[in-house]
C-alpha atoms as a PDB file:
ATOM      1  CA  UNK A   1      94.071  47.496 -62.260  1.00  0.00           C
ATOM      2  CA  UNK A   2      94.879  44.987 -59.244  1.00  0.00           C
ATOM      3  CA  UNK A   3      92.637  41.767 -59.692  1.00  0.00           C
ATOM      4  CA  UNK A   4      91.651  39.176 -57.113  1.00  0.00           C
ATOM      5  CA  UNK A   5      91.536  35.382 -57.823  1.00  0.00           C
ATOM      6  CA  UNK A   6      88.344  33.787 -56.753  1.00  0.00           C
ATOM      7  CA  UNK A   7      87.428  30.059 -56.582  1.00  0.00           C
ATOM      8  CA  UNK A   8      83.846  29.136 -56.015  1.00  0.00           C
ATOM      9  CA  UNK A   9      82.695  25.916 -54.336  1.00  0.00           C
ATOM     10  CA  UNK A  10      79.827  23.755 -55.594  1.00  0.00           C
ATOM     11  CA  UNK A  11      76.525  25.552 -55.907  1.00  0.00           C
ATOM     12  CA  UNK A  12      74.166  25.389 -52.804  1.00  0.00           C
ATOM     13  CA  UNK A  13      71.418  27.552 -51.287  1.00  0.00           C
ATOM     14  CA  UNK A  14      72.658  30.238 -49.078  1.00  0.00           C
ATOM     15  CA  UNK A  15      70.764  31.634 -46.242  1.00  0.00           C
ATOM     16  CA  UNK A  16      73.239  33.998 -44.416  1.00  0.00           C
ATOM     17  CA  UNK A  17      74.540  35.483 -42.609  1.00  0.00           C
ATOM     18  CA  UNK A  18      76.872  37.784 -44.542  1.00  0.00           C
ATOM     19  CA  UNK A  19      79.596  39.879 -42.846  1.00  0.00           C
ATOM     20  CA  UNK A  20      81.055  42.819 -44.910  1.00  0.00           C
ATOM     21  CA  UNK A  21      84.505  43.737 -43.235  1.00  0.00           C
ATOM     22  CA  UNK A  22      87.400  46.058 -44.206  1.00  0.00           C
ATOM     23  CA  UNK A  23      89.380  48.794 -43.072  1.00  0.00           C
ATOM     24  CA  UNK A  24      87.732  52.098 -42.581  1.00  0.00           C
ATOM     25  CA  UNK A  25      87.424  54.590 -45.365  1.00  0.00           C
ATOM     26  CA  UNK A  26      87.501  51.408 -47.897  1.00  0.00           C
ATOM     27  CA  UNK A  27      84.343  51.345 -49.640  1.00  0.00           C
ATOM     28  CA  UNK A  28      82.498  49.332 -46.957  1.00  0.00           C
ATOM     29  CA  UNK A  29      79.264  51.435 -46.728  1.00  0.00           C
ATOM     30  CA  UNK A  30      79.121  51.698 -50.580  1.00  0.00           C
ATOM     31  CA  UNK A  31      79.387  47.821 -51.072  1.00  0.00           C
ATOM     32  CA  UNK A  32      76.569  47.490 -48.043  1.00  0.00           C
ATOM     33  CA  UNK A  33      74.365  49.787 -50.129  1.00  0.00           C
ATOM     34  CA  UNK A  34      74.892  48.054 -53.252  1.00  0.00           C
ATOM     35  CA  UNK A  35      74.213  44.504 -51.762  1.00  0.00           C
ATOM     36  CA  UNK A  36      71.114  45.648 -49.982  1.00  0.00           C
ATOM     37  CA  UNK A  37      69.423  46.596 -53.057  1.00  0.00           C
ATOM     38  CA  UNK A  38      69.310  42.833 -53.901  1.00  0.00           C
ATOM     39  CA  UNK A  39      65.867  41.320 -53.261  1.00  0.00           C
ATOM     40  CA  UNK A  40      67.314  38.888 -50.475  1.00  0.00           C
ATOM     41  CA  UNK A  41      69.989  40.595 -48.711  1.00  0.00           C
ATOM     42  CA  UNK A  42      69.332  43.016 -45.831  1.00  0.00           C
ATOM     43  CA  UNK A  43      72.863  44.087 -44.161  1.00  0.00           C
ATOM     44  CA  UNK A  44      72.135  46.177 -41.065  1.00  0.00           C
ATOM     45  CA  UNK A  45      72.385  49.826 -41.883  1.00  0.00           C
ATOM     46  CA  UNK A  46      74.538  50.777 -38.881  1.00  0.00           C
ATOM     47  CA  UNK A  47      77.699  49.166 -37.591  1.00  0.00           C
ATOM     48  CA  UNK A  48      77.159  46.888 -34.489  1.00  0.00           C
ATOM     49  CA  UNK A  49      80.893  46.596 -33.029  1.00  0.00           C
ATOM     50  CA  UNK A  50      79.295  45.272 -29.693  1.00  0.00           C
ATOM     51  CA  UNK A  51      78.752  41.499 -30.802  1.00  0.00           C
ATOM     52  CA  UNK A  52      82.077  40.247 -29.316  1.00  0.00           C
ATOM     53  CA  UNK A  53      81.308  42.268 -26.124  1.00  0.00           C
ATOM     54  CA  UNK A  54      78.246  40.745 -25.465  1.00  0.00           C
ATOM     55  CA  UNK A  55      79.676  37.133 -26.414  1.00  0.00           C
ATOM     56  CA  UNK A  56      81.925  37.198 -23.675  1.00  0.00           C
ATOM     57  CA  UNK A  57      79.198  38.732 -21.429  1.00  0.00           C
ATOM     58  CA  UNK A  58      76.302  36.407 -22.294  1.00  0.00           C
ATOM     59  CA  UNK A  59      76.990  33.923 -19.518  1.00  0.00           C
ATOM     60  CA  UNK A  60      76.269  36.459 -17.012  1.00  0.00           C
ATOM     61  CA  UNK A  61      72.836  36.480 -17.539  1.00  0.00           C
ATOM     62  CA  UNK A  62      72.164  32.901 -16.955  1.00  0.00           C
ATOM     63  CA  UNK A  63      69.387  30.805 -18.669  1.00  0.00           C
ATOM     64  CA  UNK A  64      68.269  33.160 -21.411  1.00  0.00           C
ATOM     65  CA  UNK A  65      65.060  31.322 -21.853  1.00  0.00           C
ATOM     66  CA  UNK A  66      63.998  33.086 -18.228  1.00  0.00           C
ATOM     67  CA  UNK A  67      61.999  36.033 -19.176  1.00  0.00           C
ATOM     68  CA  UNK A  68      63.666  37.771 -16.496  1.00  0.00           C
ATOM     69  CA  UNK A  69      66.864  37.076 -17.737  1.00  0.00           C
ATOM     70  CA  UNK A  70      66.189  38.029 -21.490  1.00  0.00           C
ATOM     71  CA  UNK A  71      64.808  41.421 -19.984  1.00  0.00           C
ATOM     72  CA  UNK A  72      68.183  42.193 -18.465  1.00  0.00           C
ATOM     73  CA  UNK A  73      69.949  41.219 -21.636  1.00  0.00           C
ATOM     74  CA  UNK A  74      67.576  43.195 -23.688  1.00  0.00           C
ATOM     75  CA  UNK A  75      67.908  46.418 -21.276  1.00  0.00           C
ATOM     76  CA  UNK A  76      71.796  46.227 -21.790  1.00  0.00           C
ATOM     77  CA  UNK A  77      71.852  45.477 -25.435  1.00  0.00           C
ATOM     78  CA  UNK A  78      69.259  48.235 -25.925  1.00  0.00           C
ATOM     79  CA  UNK A  79      71.514  50.912 -24.706  1.00  0.00           C
ATOM     80  CA  UNK A  80      74.031  50.431 -27.266  1.00  0.00           C
ATOM     81  CA  UNK A  81      74.443  53.152 -29.984  1.00  0.00           C
ATOM     82  CA  UNK A  82      73.922  50.087 -32.527  1.00  0.00           C
ATOM     83  CA  UNK A  83      70.342  49.208 -31.057  1.00  0.00           C
ATOM     84  CA  UNK A  84      69.412  52.740 -30.695  1.00  0.00           C
ATOM     85  CA  UNK A  85      70.447  53.685 -34.199  1.00  0.00           C
ATOM     86  CA  UNK A  86      68.844  50.808 -35.751  1.00  0.00           C
ATOM     87  CA  UNK A  87      65.672  50.882 -33.836  1.00  0.00           C
ATOM     88  CA  UNK A  88      65.118  54.248 -34.825  1.00  0.00           C
ATOM     89  CA  UNK A  89      64.597  52.747 -38.411  1.00  0.00           C
ATOM     90  CA  UNK A  90      63.089  49.598 -37.207  1.00  0.00           C
ATOM     91  CA  UNK A  91      61.046  50.588 -34.081  1.00  0.00           C
ATOM     92  CA  UNK A  92      59.187  47.260 -34.124  1.00  0.00           C
ATOM     93  CA  UNK A  93      62.361  45.425 -32.698  1.00  0.00           C
ATOM     94  CA  UNK A  94      61.038  45.338 -28.989  1.00  0.00           C
ATOM     95  CA  UNK A  95      61.866  42.812 -26.397  1.00  0.00           C
ATOM     96  CA  UNK A  96      58.577  41.015 -26.934  1.00  0.00           C
ATOM     97  CA  UNK A  97      58.930  40.326 -30.582  1.00  0.00           C
ATOM     98  CA  UNK A  98      62.669  39.644 -30.216  1.00  0.00           C
ATOM     99  CA  UNK A  99      62.031  36.993 -27.432  1.00  0.00           C
ATOM    100  CA  UNK A 100      59.199  35.355 -29.534  1.00  0.00           C
ATOM    101  CA  UNK A 101      61.508  35.013 -32.699  1.00  0.00           C
ATOM    102  CA  UNK A 102      64.317  33.260 -30.988  1.00  0.00           C
ATOM    103  CA  UNK A 103      64.758  29.692 -32.512  1.00  0.00           C
ATOM    104  CA  UNK A 104      68.009  28.572 -30.440  1.00  0.00           C
ATOM    105  CA  UNK A 105      68.715  29.940 -27.060  1.00  0.00           C
ATOM    106  CA  UNK A 106      72.504  30.119 -27.241  1.00  0.00           C
ATOM    107  CA  UNK A 107      74.227  33.284 -27.968  1.00  0.00           C
ATOM    108  CA  UNK A 108      74.394  33.031 -31.738  1.00  0.00           C
ATOM    109  CA  UNK A 109      70.664  32.085 -31.802  1.00  0.00           C
ATOM    110  CA  UNK A 110      69.481  35.153 -29.811  1.00  0.00           C
ATOM    111  CA  UNK A 111      71.650  37.503 -31.852  1.00  0.00           C
ATOM    112  CA  UNK A 112      70.286  35.772 -35.163  1.00  0.00           C
ATOM    113  CA  UNK A 113      66.812  36.374 -34.260  1.00  0.00           C
ATOM    114  CA  UNK A 114      67.276  40.072 -33.907  1.00  0.00           C
ATOM    115  CA  UNK A 115      68.889  40.432 -37.143  1.00  0.00           C
ATOM    116  CA  UNK A 116      66.397  38.250 -38.756  1.00  0.00           C
ATOM    117  CA  UNK A 117      63.735  40.413 -37.574  1.00  0.00           C
ATOM    118  CA  UNK A 118      65.285  43.532 -39.367  1.00  0.00           C
ATOM    119  CA  UNK A 119      65.689  41.560 -42.482  1.00  0.00           C
ATOM    120  CA  UNK A 120      62.085  40.467 -42.377  1.00  0.00           C
ATOM    121  CA  UNK A 121      60.972  44.017 -42.050  1.00  0.00           C
ATOM    122  CA  UNK A 122      62.431  44.820 -45.430  1.00  0.00           C
ATOM    123  CA  UNK A 123      61.055  41.460 -46.949  1.00  0.00           C
ATOM    124  CA  UNK A 124      64.405  39.773 -47.148  1.00  0.00           C
ATOM    125  CA  UNK A 125      65.530  36.543 -45.892  1.00  0.00           C
ATOM    126  CA  UNK A 126      69.576  36.945 -45.569  1.00  0.00           C
ATOM    127  CA  UNK A 127      70.681  39.081 -42.978  1.00  0.00           C
ATOM    128  CA  UNK A 128      74.107  40.643 -42.513  1.00  0.00           C
ATOM    129  CA  UNK A 129      76.456  43.054 -40.584  1.00  0.00           C
ATOM    130  CA  UNK A 130      78.823  45.623 -41.800  1.00  0.00           C
ATOM    131  CA  UNK A 131      81.175  46.853 -39.088  1.00  0.00           C
ATOM    132  CA  UNK A 132      84.860  47.152 -40.542  1.00  0.00           C
ATOM    133  CA  UNK A 133      86.147  46.234 -37.155  1.00  0.00           C
ATOM    134  CA  UNK A 134      85.137  42.760 -37.467  1.00  0.00           C
ATOM    135  CA  UNK A 135      88.104  42.274 -39.868  1.00  0.00           C
ATOM    136  CA  UNK A 136      89.690  41.243 -36.529  1.00  0.00           C
ATOM    137  CA  UNK A 137      86.827  39.146 -35.413  1.00  0.00           C
ATOM    138  CA  UNK A 138      86.292  36.650 -38.393  1.00  0.00           C
ATOM    139  CA  UNK A 139      87.137  33.676 -36.204  1.00  0.00           C
ATOM    140  CA  UNK A 140      84.901  34.195 -33.605  1.00  0.00           C
ATOM    141  CA  UNK A 141      82.097  34.987 -35.971  1.00  0.00           C
ATOM    142  CA  UNK A 142      82.874  31.920 -37.923  1.00  0.00           C
ATOM    143  CA  UNK A 143      82.766  29.674 -34.660  1.00  0.00           C
ATOM    144  CA  UNK A 144      79.061  31.536 -34.117  1.00  0.00           C
ATOM    145  CA  UNK A 145      77.843  31.239 -37.502  1.00  0.00           C
ATOM    146  CA  UNK A 146      79.568  28.141 -39.394  1.00  0.00           C
ATOM    147  CA  UNK A 147      77.442  28.885 -42.596  1.00  0.00           C
ATOM    148  CA  UNK A 148      78.584  32.626 -42.730  1.00  0.00           C
ATOM    149  CA  UNK A 149      80.231  34.188 -45.540  1.00  0.00           C
ATOM    150  CA  UNK A 150      82.788  37.086 -45.330  1.00  0.00           C
ATOM    151  CA  UNK A 151      83.359  39.705 -47.773  1.00  0.00           C
ATOM    152  CA  UNK A 152      86.594  41.613 -47.574  1.00  0.00           C
ATOM    153  CA  UNK A 153      86.949  44.704 -49.502  1.00  0.00           C
ATOM    154  CA  UNK A 154      90.550  46.269 -49.773  1.00  0.00           C
ATOM    155  CA  UNK A 155      91.651  49.513 -50.938  1.00  0.00           C
ATOM    156  CA  UNK A 156      95.187  50.965 -51.885  1.00  0.00           C
ATOM    157  CA  UNK A 157      96.562  51.616 -48.482  1.00  0.00           C
ATOM    158  CA  UNK A 158      97.972  54.855 -49.857  1.00  0.00           C
ATOM    159  CA  UNK A 159      94.647  56.052 -50.681  1.00  0.00           C
ATOM    160  CA  UNK A 160      93.357  54.749 -47.471  1.00  0.00           C
ATOM    161  CA  UNK A 161      95.916  56.673 -45.556  1.00  0.00           C
ATOM    162  CA  UNK A 162      95.206  59.999 -47.252  1.00  0.00           C
ATOM    163  CA  UNK A 163      91.250  59.551 -46.925  1.00  0.00           C
ATOM    164  CA  UNK A 164      91.943  58.910 -43.016  1.00  0.00           C
ATOM    165  CA  UNK A 165      93.801  62.120 -42.739  1.00  0.00           C
ATOM    166  CA  UNK A 166      91.615  64.076 -44.693  1.00  0.00           C
ATOM    167  CA  UNK A 167      88.480  62.536 -42.968  1.00  0.00           C
ATOM    168  CA  UNK A 168      89.706  62.845 -39.240  1.00  0.00           C
ATOM    169  CA  UNK A 169      93.319  64.032 -39.433  1.00  0.00           C
ATOM    170  CA  UNK A 170      94.618  61.164 -38.058  1.00  0.00           C
ATOM    171  CA  UNK A 171      98.383  60.059 -38.669  1.00  0.00           C
ATOM    172  CA  UNK A 172      99.011  58.445 -41.904  1.00  0.00           C
ATOM    173  CA  UNK A 173     101.857  56.272 -40.938  1.00  0.00           C
ATOM    174  CA  UNK A 174      99.972  54.746 -37.989  1.00  0.00           C
ATOM    175  CA  UNK A 175      97.286  54.413 -40.448  1.00  0.00           C
ATOM    176  CA  UNK A 176      99.728  52.712 -42.763  1.00  0.00           C
ATOM    177  CA  UNK A 177     100.855  50.127 -40.032  1.00  0.00           C
ATOM    178  CA  UNK A 178      97.488  49.348 -38.933  1.00  0.00           C
ATOM    179  CA  UNK A 179      96.262  48.583 -42.504  1.00  0.00           C
ATOM    180  CA  UNK A 180      99.424  46.140 -43.070  1.00  0.00           C
ATOM    181  CA  UNK A 181      98.887  44.725 -39.762  1.00  0.00           C
ATOM    182  CA  UNK A 182      94.992  44.232 -39.722  1.00  0.00           C
ATOM    183  CA  UNK A 183      95.083  42.997 -43.563  1.00  0.00           C
ATOM    184  CA  UNK A 184      97.827  40.497 -42.946  1.00  0.00           C
ATOM    185  CA  UNK A 185      96.085  39.079 -40.071  1.00  0.00           C
ATOM    186  CA  UNK A 186      92.846  38.972 -41.761  1.00  0.00           C
ATOM    187  CA  UNK A 187      94.242  37.073 -44.718  1.00  0.00           C
ATOM    188  CA  UNK A 188      95.978  34.598 -42.362  1.00  0.00           C
ATOM    189  CA  UNK A 189      92.677  34.339 -40.345  1.00  0.00           C
ATOM    190  CA  UNK A 190      90.590  33.612 -43.523  1.00  0.00           C
ATOM    191  CA  UNK A 191      93.180  30.889 -44.861  1.00  0.00           C
ATOM    192  CA  UNK A 192      93.134  29.051 -41.330  1.00  0.00           C
ATOM    193  CA  UNK A 193      89.334  29.399 -40.369  1.00  0.00           C
ATOM    194  CA  UNK A 194      87.403  30.395 -43.233  1.00  0.00           C
ATOM    195  CA  UNK A 195      88.155  28.330 -46.439  1.00  0.00           C
ATOM    196  CA  UNK A 196      85.637  29.222 -49.473  1.00  0.00           C
ATOM    197  CA  UNK A 197      83.543  31.204 -47.048  1.00  0.00           C
ATOM    198  CA  UNK A 198      85.834  34.320 -47.602  1.00  0.00           C
ATOM    199  CA  UNK A 199      85.945  36.543 -50.749  1.00  0.00           C
ATOM    200  CA  UNK A 200      88.146  39.557 -51.164  1.00  0.00           C
ATOM    201  CA  UNK A 201      87.244  42.313 -53.742  1.00  0.00           C
ATOM    202  CA  UNK A 202      88.990  45.667 -54.540  1.00  0.00           C
ATOM    203  CA  UNK A 203      87.635  48.942 -53.741  1.00  0.00           C
ATOM    204  CA  UNK A 204      89.322  50.307 -57.272  1.00  0.00           C
ATOM    205  CA  UNK A 205      87.524  47.368 -59.322  1.00  0.00           C
ATOM    206  CA  UNK A 206      84.028  48.105 -57.524  1.00  0.00           C
ATOM    207  CA  UNK A 207      84.289  51.714 -58.669  1.00  0.00           C
ATOM    208  CA  UNK A 208      85.227  51.085 -62.289  1.00  0.00           C
ATOM    209  CA  UNK A 209      83.766  47.366 -62.902  1.00  0.00           C
ATOM    210  CA  UNK A 210      80.942  47.370 -60.501  1.00  0.00           C
ATOM    211  CA  UNK A 211      78.691  44.954 -62.692  1.00  0.00           C
ATOM    212  CA  UNK A 212      81.853  42.477 -62.652  1.00  0.00           C
ATOM    213  CA  UNK A 213      82.372  42.866 -58.906  1.00  0.00           C
ATOM    214  CA  UNK A 214      78.681  42.421 -57.946  1.00  0.00           C
ATOM    215  CA  UNK A 215      78.463  39.295 -60.238  1.00  0.00           C
ATOM    216  CA  UNK A 216      81.304  37.528 -58.437  1.00  0.00           C
ATOM    217  CA  UNK A 217      79.823  38.394 -55.006  1.00  0.00           C
ATOM    218  CA  UNK A 218      76.257  37.079 -56.046  1.00  0.00           C
ATOM    219  CA  UNK A 219      78.204  33.957 -57.746  1.00  0.00           C
ATOM    220  CA  UNK A 220      80.033  33.536 -54.465  1.00  0.00           C
ATOM    221  CA  UNK A 221      76.745  33.737 -52.362  1.00  0.00           C
ATOM    222  CA  UNK A 222      75.097  31.417 -54.951  1.00  0.00           C
ATOM    223  CA  UNK A 223      72.506  34.287 -55.604  1.00  0.00           C
ATOM    224  CA  UNK A 224      71.378  35.519 -59.097  1.00  0.00           C
ATOM    225  CA  UNK A 225      72.613  38.671 -59.858  1.00  0.00           C
ATOM    226  CA  UNK A 226      70.249  41.853 -59.989  1.00  0.00           C
ATOM    227  CA  UNK A 227      70.763  44.925 -61.832  1.00  0.00           C
ATOM    228  CA  UNK A 228      69.108  46.853 -59.206  1.00  0.00           C
ATOM    229  CA  UNK A 229      72.561  46.470 -57.212  1.00  0.00           C
ATOM    230  CA  UNK A 230      74.369  48.890 -59.546  1.00  0.00           C
ATOM    231  CA  UNK A 231      72.071  51.837 -58.372  1.00  0.00           C
ATOM    232  CA  UNK A 232      72.589  52.627 -54.583  1.00  0.00           C
ATOM    233  CA  UNK A 233      69.609  54.621 -53.405  1.00  0.00           C
ATOM    234  CA  UNK A 234      71.207  57.712 -52.186  1.00  0.00           C
ATOM    235  CA  UNK A 235      74.675  59.236 -51.191  1.00  0.00           C
ATOM    236  CA  UNK A 236      76.626  56.767 -49.262  1.00  0.00           C
ATOM    237  CA  UNK A 237      79.098  59.043 -48.135  1.00  0.00           C
ATOM    238  CA  UNK A 238      79.354  61.796 -45.738  1.00  0.00           C
ATOM    239  CA  UNK A 239      82.876  62.488 -45.853  1.00  0.00           C
ATOM    240  CA  UNK A 240      85.542  62.643 -48.599  1.00  0.00           C
ATOM    241  CA  UNK A 241      85.331  63.588 -52.272  1.00  0.00           C
ATOM    242  CA  UNK A 242      82.263  61.064 -52.768  1.00  0.00           C
ATOM    243  CA  UNK A 243      80.234  63.101 -50.098  1.00  0.00           C
ATOM    244  CA  UNK A 244      76.768  63.680 -51.405  1.00  0.00           C
ATOM    245  CA  UNK A 245      77.377  61.910 -54.445  1.00  0.00           C
ATOM    246  CA  UNK A 246      74.547  59.702 -55.436  1.00  0.00           C
ATOM    247  CA  UNK A 247      75.612  56.369 -57.068  1.00  0.00           C
ATOM    248  CA  UNK A 248      79.024  55.408 -57.905  1.00  0.00           C
ATOM    249  CA  UNK A 249      82.139  58.078 -58.288  1.00  0.00           C
ATOM    250  CA  UNK A 250      84.305  56.362 -60.738  1.00  0.00           C
ATOM    251  CA  UNK A 251      88.065  56.526 -60.552  1.00  0.00           C
ATOM    252  CA  UNK A 252      87.836  57.915 -57.136  1.00  0.00           C
ATOM    253  CA  UNK A 253      91.198  56.467 -56.387  1.00  0.00           C
ATOM    254  CA  UNK A 254      95.032  57.181 -56.996  1.00  0.00           C
ATOM    255  CA  UNK A 255      94.885  60.498 -55.432  1.00  0.00           C
ATOM    256  CA  UNK A 256      97.819  59.526 -53.140  1.00  0.00           C
ATOM    257  CA  UNK A 257      99.763  60.500 -56.393  1.00  0.00           C
ATOM    258  CA  UNK A 258      99.136  64.153 -55.777  1.00  0.00           C
ATOM    259  CA  UNK A 259      97.751  64.106 -52.256  1.00  0.00           C
ATOM    260  CA  UNK A 260     100.801  62.806 -50.466  1.00  0.00           C
ATOM    261  CA  UNK A 261     104.348  63.993 -50.805  1.00  0.00           C
ATOM    262  CA  UNK A 262     107.161  61.699 -52.201  1.00  0.00           C
ATOM    263  CA  UNK A 263     108.565  61.159 -48.634  1.00  0.00           C
ATOM    264  CA  UNK A 264     105.212  60.247 -47.202  1.00  0.00           C
ATOM    265  CA  UNK A 265     104.580  57.756 -50.080  1.00  0.00           C
ATOM    266  CA  UNK A 266     107.957  56.259 -49.608  1.00  0.00           C
ATOM    267  CA  UNK A 267     107.539  55.835 -45.883  1.00  0.00           C
ATOM    268  CA  UNK A 268     104.099  54.187 -46.439  1.00  0.00           C
ATOM    269  CA  UNK A 269     105.507  51.949 -48.814  1.00  0.00           C
ATOM    270  CA  UNK A 270     108.368  50.796 -46.648  1.00  0.00           C
ATOM    271  CA  UNK A 271     105.744  49.977 -44.111  1.00  0.00           C
ATOM    272  CA  UNK A 272     103.328  48.015 -46.210  1.00  0.00           C
ATOM    273  CA  UNK A 273     104.639  47.906 -49.912  1.00  0.00           C
ATOM    274  CA  UNK A 274     105.285  44.411 -49.625  1.00  0.00           C
ATOM    275  CA  UNK A 275     101.500  43.518 -48.709  1.00  0.00           C
ATOM    276  CA  UNK A 276     100.615  45.938 -51.498  1.00  0.00           C
ATOM    277  CA  UNK A 277     102.397  44.468 -53.991  1.00  0.00           C
ATOM    278  CA  UNK A 278     101.082  40.671 -53.052  1.00  0.00           C
ATOM    279  CA  UNK A 279      97.747  42.274 -53.647  1.00  0.00           C
ATOM    280  CA  UNK A 280      98.511  43.234 -57.081  1.00  0.00           C
ATOM    281  CA  UNK A 281      99.257  47.179 -56.320  1.00  0.00           C
ATOM    282  CA  UNK A 282     102.210  48.753 -58.111  1.00  0.00           C
ATOM    283  CA  UNK A 283     104.807  50.040 -55.552  1.00  0.00           C
ATOM    284  CA  UNK A 284     108.256  51.500 -55.911  1.00  0.00           C
ATOM    285  CA  UNK A 285     109.815  49.707 -52.694  1.00  0.00           C
ATOM    286  CA  UNK A 286     110.527  46.171 -52.864  1.00  0.00           C
ATOM    287  CA  UNK A 287     112.638  45.583 -49.586  1.00  0.00           C
ATOM    288  CA  UNK A 288     111.491  44.010 -46.182  1.00  0.00           C
ATOM    289  CA  UNK A 289     108.491  45.786 -44.205  1.00  0.00           C
ATOM    290  CA  UNK A 290     109.976  48.422 -41.945  1.00  0.00           C
ATOM    291  CA  UNK A 291     107.785  48.776 -38.962  1.00  0.00           C
ATOM    292  CA  UNK A 292     107.186  51.680 -36.749  1.00  0.00           C
ATOM    293  CA  UNK A 293     108.542  51.408 -33.260  1.00  0.00           C
ATOM    294  CA  UNK A 294     105.940  50.603 -30.654  1.00  0.00           C
ATOM    295  CA  UNK A 295     106.584  53.911 -28.636  1.00  0.00           C
ATOM    296  CA  UNK A 296     105.950  55.912 -31.972  1.00  0.00           C
ATOM    297  CA  UNK A 297     102.695  54.022 -32.718  1.00  0.00           C
ATOM    298  CA  UNK A 298     101.353  54.902 -28.845  1.00  0.00           C
ATOM    299  CA  UNK A 299     102.435  58.465 -29.287  1.00  0.00           C
ATOM    300  CA  UNK A 300     100.380  58.488 -32.823  1.00  0.00           C
ATOM    301  CA  UNK A 301      97.567  56.641 -31.033  1.00  0.00           C
ATOM    302  CA  UNK A 302      97.294  59.195 -28.426  1.00  0.00           C
ATOM    303  CA  UNK A 303      97.314  62.037 -30.997  1.00  0.00           C
ATOM    304  CA  UNK A 304      94.846  60.316 -32.956  1.00  0.00           C
ATOM    305  CA  UNK A 305      92.371  59.759 -30.214  1.00  0.00           C
ATOM    306  CA  UNK A 306      92.378  63.444 -29.430  1.00  0.00           C
ATOM    307  CA  UNK A 307      91.653  64.473 -33.040  1.00  0.00           C
ATOM    308  CA  UNK A 308      89.041  61.780 -32.960  1.00  0.00           C
ATOM    309  CA  UNK A 309      87.510  63.098 -29.805  1.00  0.00           C
ATOM    310  CA  UNK A 310      87.237  66.732 -31.537  1.00  0.00           C
ATOM    311  CA  UNK A 311      85.861  65.524 -34.582  1.00  0.00           C
ATOM    312  CA  UNK A 312      83.216  63.806 -32.446  1.00  0.00           C
ATOM    313  CA  UNK A 313      82.686  66.923 -30.531  1.00  0.00           C
ATOM    314  CA  UNK A 314      82.329  69.031 -33.965  1.00  0.00           C
ATOM    315  CA  UNK A 315      80.025  66.339 -35.250  1.00  0.00           C
ATOM    316  CA  UNK A 316      77.555  66.518 -32.094  1.00  0.00           C
ATOM    317  CA  UNK A 317      77.748  70.233 -32.195  1.00  0.00           C
ATOM    318  CA  UNK A 318      76.550  70.267 -35.986  1.00  0.00           C
ATOM    319  CA  UNK A 319      73.704  67.672 -35.358  1.00  0.00           C
ATOM    320  CA  UNK A 320      72.827  69.804 -32.410  1.00  0.00           C
ATOM    321  CA  UNK A 321      72.193  72.879 -34.581  1.00  0.00           C
ATOM    322  CA  UNK A 322      70.712  71.096 -37.165  1.00  0.00           C
ATOM    323  CA  UNK A 323      68.247  69.769 -34.476  1.00  0.00           C
ATOM    324  CA  UNK A 324      67.656  73.128 -33.230  1.00  0.00           C
ATOM    325  CA  UNK A 325      67.220  74.881 -36.770  1.00  0.00           C
ATOM    326  CA  UNK A 326      64.525  71.800 -37.690  1.00  0.00           C
ATOM    327  CA  UNK A 327      62.887  72.253 -34.230  1.00  0.00           C
ATOM    328  CA  UNK A 328      62.697  75.828 -34.622  1.00  0.00           C
ATOM    329  CA  UNK A 329      61.564  75.432 -38.109  1.00  0.00           C
ATOM    330  CA  UNK A 330      58.826  73.209 -37.254  1.00  0.00           C
ATOM    331  CA  UNK A 331      57.356  75.575 -34.405  1.00  0.00           C
ATOM    332  CA  UNK A 332      57.264  78.239 -36.969  1.00  0.00           C
ATOM    333  CA  UNK A 333      55.225  76.318 -39.388  1.00  0.00           C
ATOM    334  CA  UNK A 334      52.998  75.252 -36.583  1.00  0.00           C
ATOM    335  CA  UNK A 335      52.081  78.724 -35.739  1.00  0.00           C
END
């Protein structure tokens, strides 16, 4: 089993935030739910994605202390999928409450106030965000929140590619190239910008040795370990083999050995085998990485976009049918 080496700085009080990042289908959701069982941690239940976007737009709102300017910002932010989904869980996040909780009127202060309101609803004092795509935004987030800590969960690329195909029918070779490029860049960004405020954990270790991994995380955060973290409240997965499974599905890895063909395994290893080996995963290929041609990546991207659209349409249709059924059931009971 691959291992990660961790060096902890001197102990100090940590008050957040936590950014949980990683490639999609790599266990970020499972780890979020486990961390949320800690009595002090509240990582938002939905992925935001919009923080870099509003960071770039923030100067357009002018002096945000002006109630009219804050109202314009709030109107735009409240239209995001992140806000709508999160406010369905925490409907108390309205403009008036948000505005009164702001402690610093720059962008980081305004956003932190939003997350603090969410955390306080659950009687927690450390807020966090789990958005896989922020793997590419760690330097920006660190500049906004100098005290932030980053947890990067990594999964074997061969299982990652297989999971991507099974979940969304996406191209496994484009997935392998993105896995290589995003993780390589993230590790370089961490070395340059994050220092001791960056921790890598392995998905496989989290499944097989959850207490060991969670203790390493709480040590890193300078928090006491709590056994409740070992028991996520419900199923954390709606796709894949862990779908509807409550708790931890041990040994839910290594499926690439039977789920991928020998030719597919060989090509994935040619793309990212060097990085896999650096991370401690056993590989057969030991040569130089062989990148996909940019034209191939564009073609695969177009095909993946189409498959993603079909997936979303199916999801919306299924949700519509569920809503219709529930509505009919409610009306029937009301008669």
